Structure formats: C-alpha cells, structure tokens
N, C-alpha and C. Protein backbone atom coordinates (compact mmCIF):
# COMPACT_ATOMS: atom_id res chain seq x y z
N UNK A 1 94.25 139.83 85.52
CA UNK A 1 95.44 139.46 84.78
C UNK A 1 95.18 138.16 84.05
N UNK A 2 95.48 138.11 82.78
CA UNK A 2 95.33 136.89 82.01
C UNK A 2 96.60 136.07 82.15
N UNK A 3 96.49 134.92 82.81
CA UNK A 3 97.67 134.10 83.06
C UNK A 3 97.52 132.71 82.46
N UNK A 4 96.59 132.56 81.55
CA UNK A 4 96.31 131.27 80.95
C UNK A 4 97.57 130.67 80.34
N UNK A 5 97.78 129.39 80.60
CA UNK A 5 98.89 128.70 80.00
C UNK A 5 100.17 128.73 80.83
N UNK A 6 100.21 129.47 81.94
CA UNK A 6 101.40 129.52 82.77
C UNK A 6 101.29 128.39 83.79
N UNK A 7 102.17 127.37 83.62
CA UNK A 7 102.08 126.19 84.47
C UNK A 7 103.46 125.71 84.92
N UNK A 8 103.45 124.87 85.94
CA UNK A 8 104.64 124.14 86.38
C UNK A 8 104.20 122.71 86.66
N UNK A 9 105.04 121.76 86.30
CA UNK A 9 104.76 120.35 86.54
C UNK A 9 106.04 119.66 87.00
N UNK A 10 105.87 118.61 87.76
CA UNK A 10 107.02 117.82 88.21
C UNK A 10 106.54 116.44 88.61
N UNK A 11 107.46 115.48 88.52
CA UNK A 11 107.20 114.15 89.05
C UNK A 11 108.02 114.00 90.31
N UNK A 12 107.38 113.46 91.34
CA UNK A 12 108.01 113.34 92.65
C UNK A 12 107.97 111.88 93.07
N UNK A 13 109.14 111.33 93.36
CA UNK A 13 109.20 109.98 93.91
C UNK A 13 108.92 110.06 95.39
N UNK A 14 108.00 109.25 95.87
CA UNK A 14 107.70 109.23 97.29
C UNK A 14 107.44 107.81 97.75
N UNK A 15 107.21 107.65 99.03
CA UNK A 15 106.98 106.32 99.58
C UNK A 15 105.65 106.30 100.32
N UNK A 16 104.86 105.28 100.03
CA UNK A 16 103.63 105.03 100.77
C UNK A 16 104.04 104.29 102.04
N UNK A 17 103.73 104.87 103.19
CA UNK A 17 104.10 104.27 104.46
C UNK A 17 103.06 103.21 104.81
N UNK A 18 103.52 101.97 104.88
CA UNK A 18 102.64 100.85 105.17
C UNK A 18 103.01 100.30 106.56
N UNK A 19 102.08 100.33 107.51
CA UNK A 19 102.41 99.85 108.86
C UNK A 19 102.96 98.42 108.84
N UNK A 20 104.00 98.20 109.63
CA UNK A 20 104.62 96.88 109.80
C UNK A 20 105.20 96.29 108.52
N UNK A 21 105.42 97.13 107.48
CA UNK A 21 106.04 96.65 106.25
C UNK A 21 106.98 97.71 105.72
N UNK A 22 107.75 97.32 104.73
CA UNK A 22 108.63 98.28 104.07
C UNK A 22 107.78 99.28 103.31
N UNK A 23 108.22 100.52 103.27
CA UNK A 23 107.48 101.55 102.51
C UNK A 23 107.45 101.19 101.03
N UNK A 24 106.35 101.51 100.38
CA UNK A 24 106.15 101.19 98.97
C UNK A 24 106.46 102.42 98.12
N UNK A 25 107.45 102.34 97.22
CA UNK A 25 107.76 103.51 96.39
C UNK A 25 106.69 103.71 95.31
N UNK A 26 106.40 104.96 95.03
CA UNK A 26 105.50 105.31 93.93
C UNK A 26 105.83 106.71 93.44
N UNK A 27 105.17 107.11 92.38
CA UNK A 27 105.42 108.42 91.76
C UNK A 27 104.15 109.24 91.81
N UNK A 28 104.32 110.53 92.07
CA UNK A 28 103.19 111.47 92.03
C UNK A 28 103.54 112.58 91.04
N UNK A 29 102.56 112.99 90.28
CA UNK A 29 102.73 114.12 89.37
C UNK A 29 102.09 115.35 90.01
N UNK A 30 102.87 116.42 90.10
CA UNK A 30 102.40 117.68 90.66
C UNK A 30 102.18 118.67 89.53
N UNK A 31 101.05 119.34 89.54
CA UNK A 31 100.72 120.34 88.52
C UNK A 31 100.22 121.61 89.18
N UNK A 32 100.69 122.73 88.65
CA UNK A 32 100.29 124.04 89.15
C UNK A 32 100.02 124.93 87.96
N UNK A 33 98.96 125.72 88.06
CA UNK A 33 98.65 126.68 87.01
C UNK A 33 98.27 128.02 87.63
N UNK A 34 98.67 129.08 86.99
CA UNK A 34 98.34 130.42 87.47
C UNK A 34 96.83 130.67 87.41
N UNK A 35 96.11 129.87 86.62
CA UNK A 35 94.66 130.01 86.55
C UNK A 35 93.97 129.57 87.84
N UNK A 36 94.65 128.75 88.64
CA UNK A 36 94.15 128.30 89.94
C UNK A 36 95.30 128.48 90.93
N UNK A 37 95.64 129.73 91.26
CA UNK A 37 96.90 130.03 91.94
C UNK A 37 97.04 129.56 93.38
N UNK A 38 95.96 129.15 93.99
CA UNK A 38 96.03 128.70 95.38
C UNK A 38 96.24 127.19 95.47
N UNK A 39 96.10 126.46 94.38
CA UNK A 39 96.03 125.00 94.43
C UNK A 39 97.15 124.31 93.66
N UNK A 40 97.51 123.15 94.19
CA UNK A 40 98.42 122.23 93.49
C UNK A 40 97.68 120.92 93.34
N UNK A 41 97.62 120.42 92.12
CA UNK A 41 96.97 119.13 91.86
C UNK A 41 98.05 118.05 91.91
N UNK A 42 97.75 117.00 92.65
CA UNK A 42 98.69 115.90 92.79
C UNK A 42 98.00 114.62 92.35
N UNK A 43 98.62 113.91 91.41
CA UNK A 43 98.10 112.63 90.93
C UNK A 43 99.06 111.54 91.40
N UNK A 44 98.58 110.69 92.29
CA UNK A 44 99.38 109.59 92.82
C UNK A 44 99.21 108.39 91.89
N UNK A 45 100.31 107.93 91.33
CA UNK A 45 100.29 106.78 90.42
C UNK A 45 100.52 105.52 91.26
N UNK A 46 99.44 104.78 91.49
CA UNK A 46 99.47 103.65 92.40
C UNK A 46 99.58 102.31 91.70
N UNK A 47 99.73 102.30 90.40
CA UNK A 47 99.78 101.05 89.65
C UNK A 47 98.46 100.71 89.00
N UNK A 48 97.40 101.40 89.39
CA UNK A 48 96.10 101.22 88.75
C UNK A 48 96.10 102.01 87.44
N UNK A 49 95.09 101.80 86.60
CA UNK A 49 95.01 102.52 85.34
C UNK A 49 94.92 104.03 85.55
N UNK A 50 94.07 104.45 86.47
CA UNK A 50 93.88 105.87 86.72
C UNK A 50 94.56 106.27 88.02
N UNK A 51 95.27 107.39 88.01
CA UNK A 51 95.90 107.84 89.26
C UNK A 51 94.85 108.33 90.25
N UNK A 52 95.24 108.36 91.50
CA UNK A 52 94.40 108.93 92.56
C UNK A 52 94.76 110.40 92.66
N UNK A 53 93.77 111.28 92.47
CA UNK A 53 94.05 112.71 92.42
C UNK A 53 93.55 113.44 93.66
N UNK A 54 94.38 114.37 94.13
CA UNK A 54 94.04 115.23 95.26
C UNK A 54 94.42 116.65 94.88
N UNK A 55 93.76 117.60 95.49
CA UNK A 55 94.12 119.01 95.32
C UNK A 55 94.53 119.55 96.68
N UNK A 56 95.73 120.15 96.71
CA UNK A 56 96.28 120.69 97.95
C UNK A 56 96.39 122.20 97.85
N UNK A 57 96.22 122.87 98.97
CA UNK A 57 96.55 124.29 99.02
C UNK A 57 98.06 124.41 98.91
N UNK A 58 98.52 125.28 98.03
CA UNK A 58 99.96 125.47 97.85
C UNK A 58 100.62 125.84 99.18
N UNK A 59 99.96 126.69 99.94
CA UNK A 59 100.51 127.13 101.23
C UNK A 59 100.65 125.96 102.20
N UNK A 60 99.74 125.00 102.16
CA UNK A 60 99.80 123.84 103.03
C UNK A 60 101.09 123.06 102.80
N UNK A 61 101.43 122.81 101.55
CA UNK A 61 102.67 122.08 101.25
C UNK A 61 103.90 122.91 101.61
N UNK A 62 103.84 124.21 101.38
CA UNK A 62 104.97 125.09 101.69
C UNK A 62 105.24 125.12 103.19
N UNK A 63 104.23 125.36 103.97
CA UNK A 63 104.39 125.45 105.43
C UNK A 63 104.76 124.08 106.01
N UNK A 64 104.19 123.00 105.46
CA UNK A 64 104.44 121.66 105.96
C UNK A 64 105.88 121.21 105.89
N UNK A 65 106.68 121.87 105.07
CA UNK A 65 108.10 121.54 105.00
C UNK A 65 108.82 121.94 106.28
N UNK A 66 108.35 123.00 106.94
CA UNK A 66 109.06 123.52 108.12
C UNK A 66 108.35 123.26 109.45
N UNK A 67 107.02 123.05 109.42
CA UNK A 67 106.30 122.79 110.68
C UNK A 67 104.99 122.07 110.37
N UNK A 68 104.46 121.36 111.35
CA UNK A 68 103.18 120.66 111.14
C UNK A 68 102.06 121.63 110.78
N UNK A 69 101.24 121.23 109.82
CA UNK A 69 100.14 122.08 109.37
C UNK A 69 99.02 121.19 108.84
N UNK A 70 97.82 121.71 108.90
CA UNK A 70 96.65 121.00 108.38
C UNK A 70 95.87 120.33 109.49
N UNK A 71 94.64 120.06 109.17
CA UNK A 71 93.77 119.33 110.09
C UNK A 71 92.73 118.63 109.24
N UNK A 72 92.13 117.64 109.81
CA UNK A 72 91.10 116.94 109.04
C UNK A 72 91.69 116.01 108.01
N UNK A 73 91.28 116.17 106.76
CA UNK A 73 91.63 115.24 105.69
C UNK A 73 93.08 115.30 105.23
N UNK A 74 93.73 116.44 105.38
CA UNK A 74 95.10 116.59 104.88
C UNK A 74 95.97 117.21 105.97
N UNK A 75 97.07 116.53 106.27
CA UNK A 75 98.05 117.06 107.21
C UNK A 75 99.44 116.87 106.60
N UNK A 76 100.32 117.84 106.86
CA UNK A 76 101.68 117.79 106.33
C UNK A 76 102.62 118.21 107.46
N UNK A 77 103.74 117.50 107.59
CA UNK A 77 104.70 117.86 108.63
C UNK A 77 106.10 117.36 108.25
N UNK A 78 107.12 118.09 108.73
CA UNK A 78 108.49 117.65 108.43
C UNK A 78 108.80 116.37 109.20
N UNK A 79 109.56 115.49 108.55
CA UNK A 79 109.93 114.23 109.19
C UNK A 79 111.16 114.44 110.06
N UNK A 80 111.16 113.79 111.17
CA UNK A 80 112.33 113.82 112.04
C UNK A 80 113.12 112.55 111.77
N UNK A 81 114.39 112.71 111.53
CA UNK A 81 115.19 111.52 111.27
C UNK A 81 116.55 111.88 110.70
N UNK A 82 117.30 110.87 110.43
CA UNK A 82 118.66 111.03 109.90
C UNK A 82 118.62 110.97 108.38
N UNK A 83 119.63 111.54 107.75
CA UNK A 83 119.75 111.44 106.29
C UNK A 83 118.96 112.50 105.57
N UNK A 84 118.38 112.10 104.43
CA UNK A 84 117.65 113.01 103.55
C UNK A 84 116.46 113.64 104.29
N UNK A 85 116.32 114.96 104.14
CA UNK A 85 115.19 115.65 104.75
C UNK A 85 113.92 115.28 104.00
N UNK A 86 112.89 114.88 104.74
CA UNK A 86 111.63 114.48 104.12
C UNK A 86 110.46 115.17 104.79
N UNK A 87 109.32 115.06 104.15
CA UNK A 87 108.07 115.61 104.68
C UNK A 87 107.03 114.49 104.62
N UNK A 88 106.19 114.44 105.64
CA UNK A 88 105.11 113.47 105.69
C UNK A 88 103.82 114.13 105.23
N UNK A 89 103.05 113.39 104.46
CA UNK A 89 101.75 113.85 103.99
C UNK A 89 100.73 112.77 104.35
N UNK A 90 99.74 113.15 105.14
CA UNK A 90 98.71 112.22 105.56
C UNK A 90 97.38 112.63 104.93
N UNK A 91 96.73 111.67 104.28
CA UNK A 91 95.45 111.91 103.59
C UNK A 91 94.39 110.99 104.18
N UNK A 92 93.20 111.53 104.33
CA UNK A 92 92.09 110.74 104.85
C UNK A 92 90.85 111.07 104.03
N UNK A 93 90.11 110.02 103.68
CA UNK A 93 88.86 110.21 102.95
C UNK A 93 87.90 109.12 103.40
N UNK A 94 86.64 109.18 102.97
CA UNK A 94 85.71 108.10 103.32
C UNK A 94 86.17 106.74 102.79
N UNK A 95 87.09 106.74 101.82
CA UNK A 95 87.56 105.50 101.20
C UNK A 95 88.79 104.92 101.87
N UNK A 96 89.39 105.67 102.80
CA UNK A 96 90.56 105.15 103.49
C UNK A 96 91.55 106.24 103.85
N UNK A 97 92.67 105.81 104.39
CA UNK A 97 93.72 106.71 104.81
C UNK A 97 95.03 106.28 104.19
N UNK A 98 95.91 107.25 103.98
CA UNK A 98 97.25 106.95 103.45
C UNK A 98 98.23 107.97 104.00
N UNK A 99 99.45 107.50 104.21
CA UNK A 99 100.52 108.41 104.62
C UNK A 99 101.70 108.22 103.68
N UNK A 100 102.25 109.35 103.23
CA UNK A 100 103.37 109.34 102.31
C UNK A 100 104.55 110.05 102.92
N UNK A 101 105.72 109.62 102.51
CA UNK A 101 106.98 110.24 102.92
C UNK A 101 107.64 110.72 101.63
N UNK A 102 107.89 112.03 101.53
CA UNK A 102 108.42 112.60 100.29
C UNK A 102 109.71 113.38 100.57
N UNK A 103 110.68 113.31 99.67
CA UNK A 103 111.90 114.10 99.85
C UNK A 103 111.60 115.59 99.70
N UNK A 104 112.17 116.39 100.59
CA UNK A 104 111.90 117.83 100.59
C UNK A 104 112.50 118.53 99.37
N UNK A 105 113.71 118.17 98.98
CA UNK A 105 114.42 118.91 97.94
C UNK A 105 113.63 119.05 96.64
N UNK A 106 113.15 117.96 96.01
CA UNK A 106 112.39 118.15 94.77
C UNK A 106 111.04 118.83 94.98
N UNK A 107 110.43 118.61 96.16
CA UNK A 107 109.17 119.30 96.46
C UNK A 107 109.41 120.79 96.58
N UNK A 108 110.46 121.18 97.30
CA UNK A 108 110.78 122.60 97.46
C UNK A 108 111.14 123.24 96.12
N UNK A 109 111.83 122.50 95.26
CA UNK A 109 112.17 123.02 93.92
C UNK A 109 110.90 123.28 93.11
N UNK A 110 109.95 122.36 93.16
CA UNK A 110 108.68 122.55 92.46
C UNK A 110 107.92 123.75 93.03
N UNK A 111 107.85 123.84 94.37
CA UNK A 111 107.15 124.97 94.99
C UNK A 111 107.81 126.30 94.60
N UNK A 112 109.13 126.31 94.53
CA UNK A 112 109.84 127.53 94.12
C UNK A 112 109.38 127.96 92.72
N UNK A 113 109.23 127.01 91.81
CA UNK A 113 108.75 127.32 90.45
C UNK A 113 107.35 127.93 90.50
N UNK A 114 106.50 127.41 91.40
CA UNK A 114 105.13 127.95 91.47
C UNK A 114 105.15 129.40 91.96
N UNK A 115 106.06 129.70 92.89
CA UNK A 115 106.14 131.07 93.41
C UNK A 115 106.80 132.02 92.40
N UNK A 116 107.55 131.49 91.46
CA UNK A 116 108.04 132.32 90.36
C UNK A 116 106.90 132.68 89.42
N UNK A 117 105.95 131.77 89.26
CA UNK A 117 104.79 132.01 88.40
C UNK A 117 103.83 132.99 89.07
N UNK A 118 103.48 132.72 90.33
CA UNK A 118 102.59 133.60 91.10
C UNK A 118 103.22 133.78 92.48
N UNK A 119 103.82 134.93 92.73
CA UNK A 119 104.43 135.17 94.05
C UNK A 119 103.40 135.11 95.17
N UNK A 120 103.87 134.75 96.36
CA UNK A 120 103.02 134.71 97.55
C UNK A 120 102.37 136.07 97.75
N UNK A 121 101.08 136.06 98.05
CA UNK A 121 100.35 137.30 98.27
C UNK A 121 99.76 137.90 97.02
N UNK A 122 100.12 137.37 95.84
CA UNK A 122 99.58 137.91 94.59
C UNK A 122 98.60 136.95 93.92
N UNK A 123 98.17 135.93 94.64
CA UNK A 123 97.26 134.94 94.07
C UNK A 123 95.95 135.57 93.60
N UNK A 124 95.41 136.50 94.38
CA UNK A 124 94.12 137.12 94.03
C UNK A 124 94.18 137.88 92.72
N UNK A 125 95.38 138.35 92.34
CA UNK A 125 95.53 139.05 91.06
C UNK A 125 95.31 138.13 89.86
N UNK A 126 95.35 136.81 90.10
CA UNK A 126 95.23 135.83 89.01
C UNK A 126 93.88 135.14 88.99
N UNK A 127 92.97 135.58 89.84
CA UNK A 127 91.65 134.97 89.91
C UNK A 127 90.64 135.93 89.29
N UNK A 128 89.88 135.43 88.33
CA UNK A 128 88.82 136.21 87.70
C UNK A 128 87.52 135.90 88.45
N UNK A 129 87.20 136.72 89.45
CA UNK A 129 86.03 136.44 90.29
C UNK A 129 84.73 136.43 89.49
N UNK A 130 84.61 137.32 88.53
CA UNK A 130 83.39 137.34 87.71
C UNK A 130 83.21 136.02 86.98
N UNK A 131 84.28 135.49 86.40
CA UNK A 131 84.20 134.22 85.69
C UNK A 131 83.88 133.06 86.66
N UNK A 132 84.47 133.09 87.86
CA UNK A 132 84.20 132.07 88.86
C UNK A 132 82.73 132.09 89.27
N UNK A 133 82.19 133.25 89.53
CA UNK A 133 80.79 133.38 89.92
C UNK A 133 79.89 132.91 88.77
N UNK A 134 80.20 133.32 87.58
CA UNK A 134 79.42 132.92 86.40
C UNK A 134 79.40 131.40 86.25
N UNK A 135 80.55 130.79 86.44
CA UNK A 135 80.66 129.33 86.31
C UNK A 135 79.77 128.63 87.36
N UNK A 136 79.76 129.12 88.56
CA UNK A 136 78.97 128.48 89.62
C UNK A 136 77.48 128.75 89.49
N UNK A 137 77.12 129.84 88.85
CA UNK A 137 75.70 130.14 88.64
C UNK A 137 75.08 129.29 87.55
N UNK A 138 75.92 128.74 86.66
CA UNK A 138 75.40 127.98 85.54
C UNK A 138 75.74 126.50 85.63
N UNK A 139 75.78 125.96 86.82
CA UNK A 139 76.07 124.53 86.99
C UNK A 139 74.90 123.68 86.62
C-alpha cells in the first residue's frame, strides 16, 4: 500500500523530572508517518539549538498509558497521583538518563490520530519489505 505523505504531528507540553527540584517544563514534538507505521519520532526541545530526538514504538506509548511497559533504555508507566492523569517516560542512554511526566489527554489524542492513519494490526500492510531490504543492502 502506498501511504506516502500520510502523517500526524503534535506538540506536547511535558515536565522533565529533576530530583530534589521543581520539574522543568519543556515541549516535545511528536511525529508519525504511515511510511514507518510502528514508530513515533519524538523531538525534545531542551533549549539547545537542536532538539534531542528519540524513536518510540507506538505500542509502547499506547500501553504505557494504562500499565507499566518497556525495559532497558525506554520505560513508560501511568503516574499515580491526584489531579490530571499523567504518564511517566524514562529514557536511558550512554549519555545520561531522563524522566519526563506528560499529560495523558494530549498524548492519547495524538495516538488516536495515528491509529486513524494506520489501525492496530495493519502496520505490516504499510511496510514495503522489498524497499527496506534494498535500502539495507546498499548502505
């Protein structure tokens, strides 16, 4: 299936959780394309010239809203607390670790848009395996 050009984008306000200090607000840009139906690209705008970019499995963010998921470098889990429902996102790399607290409502709205573009279970219909293999053979 040719799905080129079918995308969803959103900006998400979140908080960088800093131990023993007030959380630091920042913005992340979320991008999804049917050309890469399993992944969501997230660019964290930290005040530097270039954002810090990560790629998440769409399913990881979806499941993380309702129960803890992930291991290793990326973990997502619902926050327990009063008031606005939030989700925690923990990232780890050789360069350091970071934990973010994000509101569920705008994240869920963005995820809903991605599932309108490519419904769950239909991701493989949007992947051109021949093109993927060709790309990796000519690196």
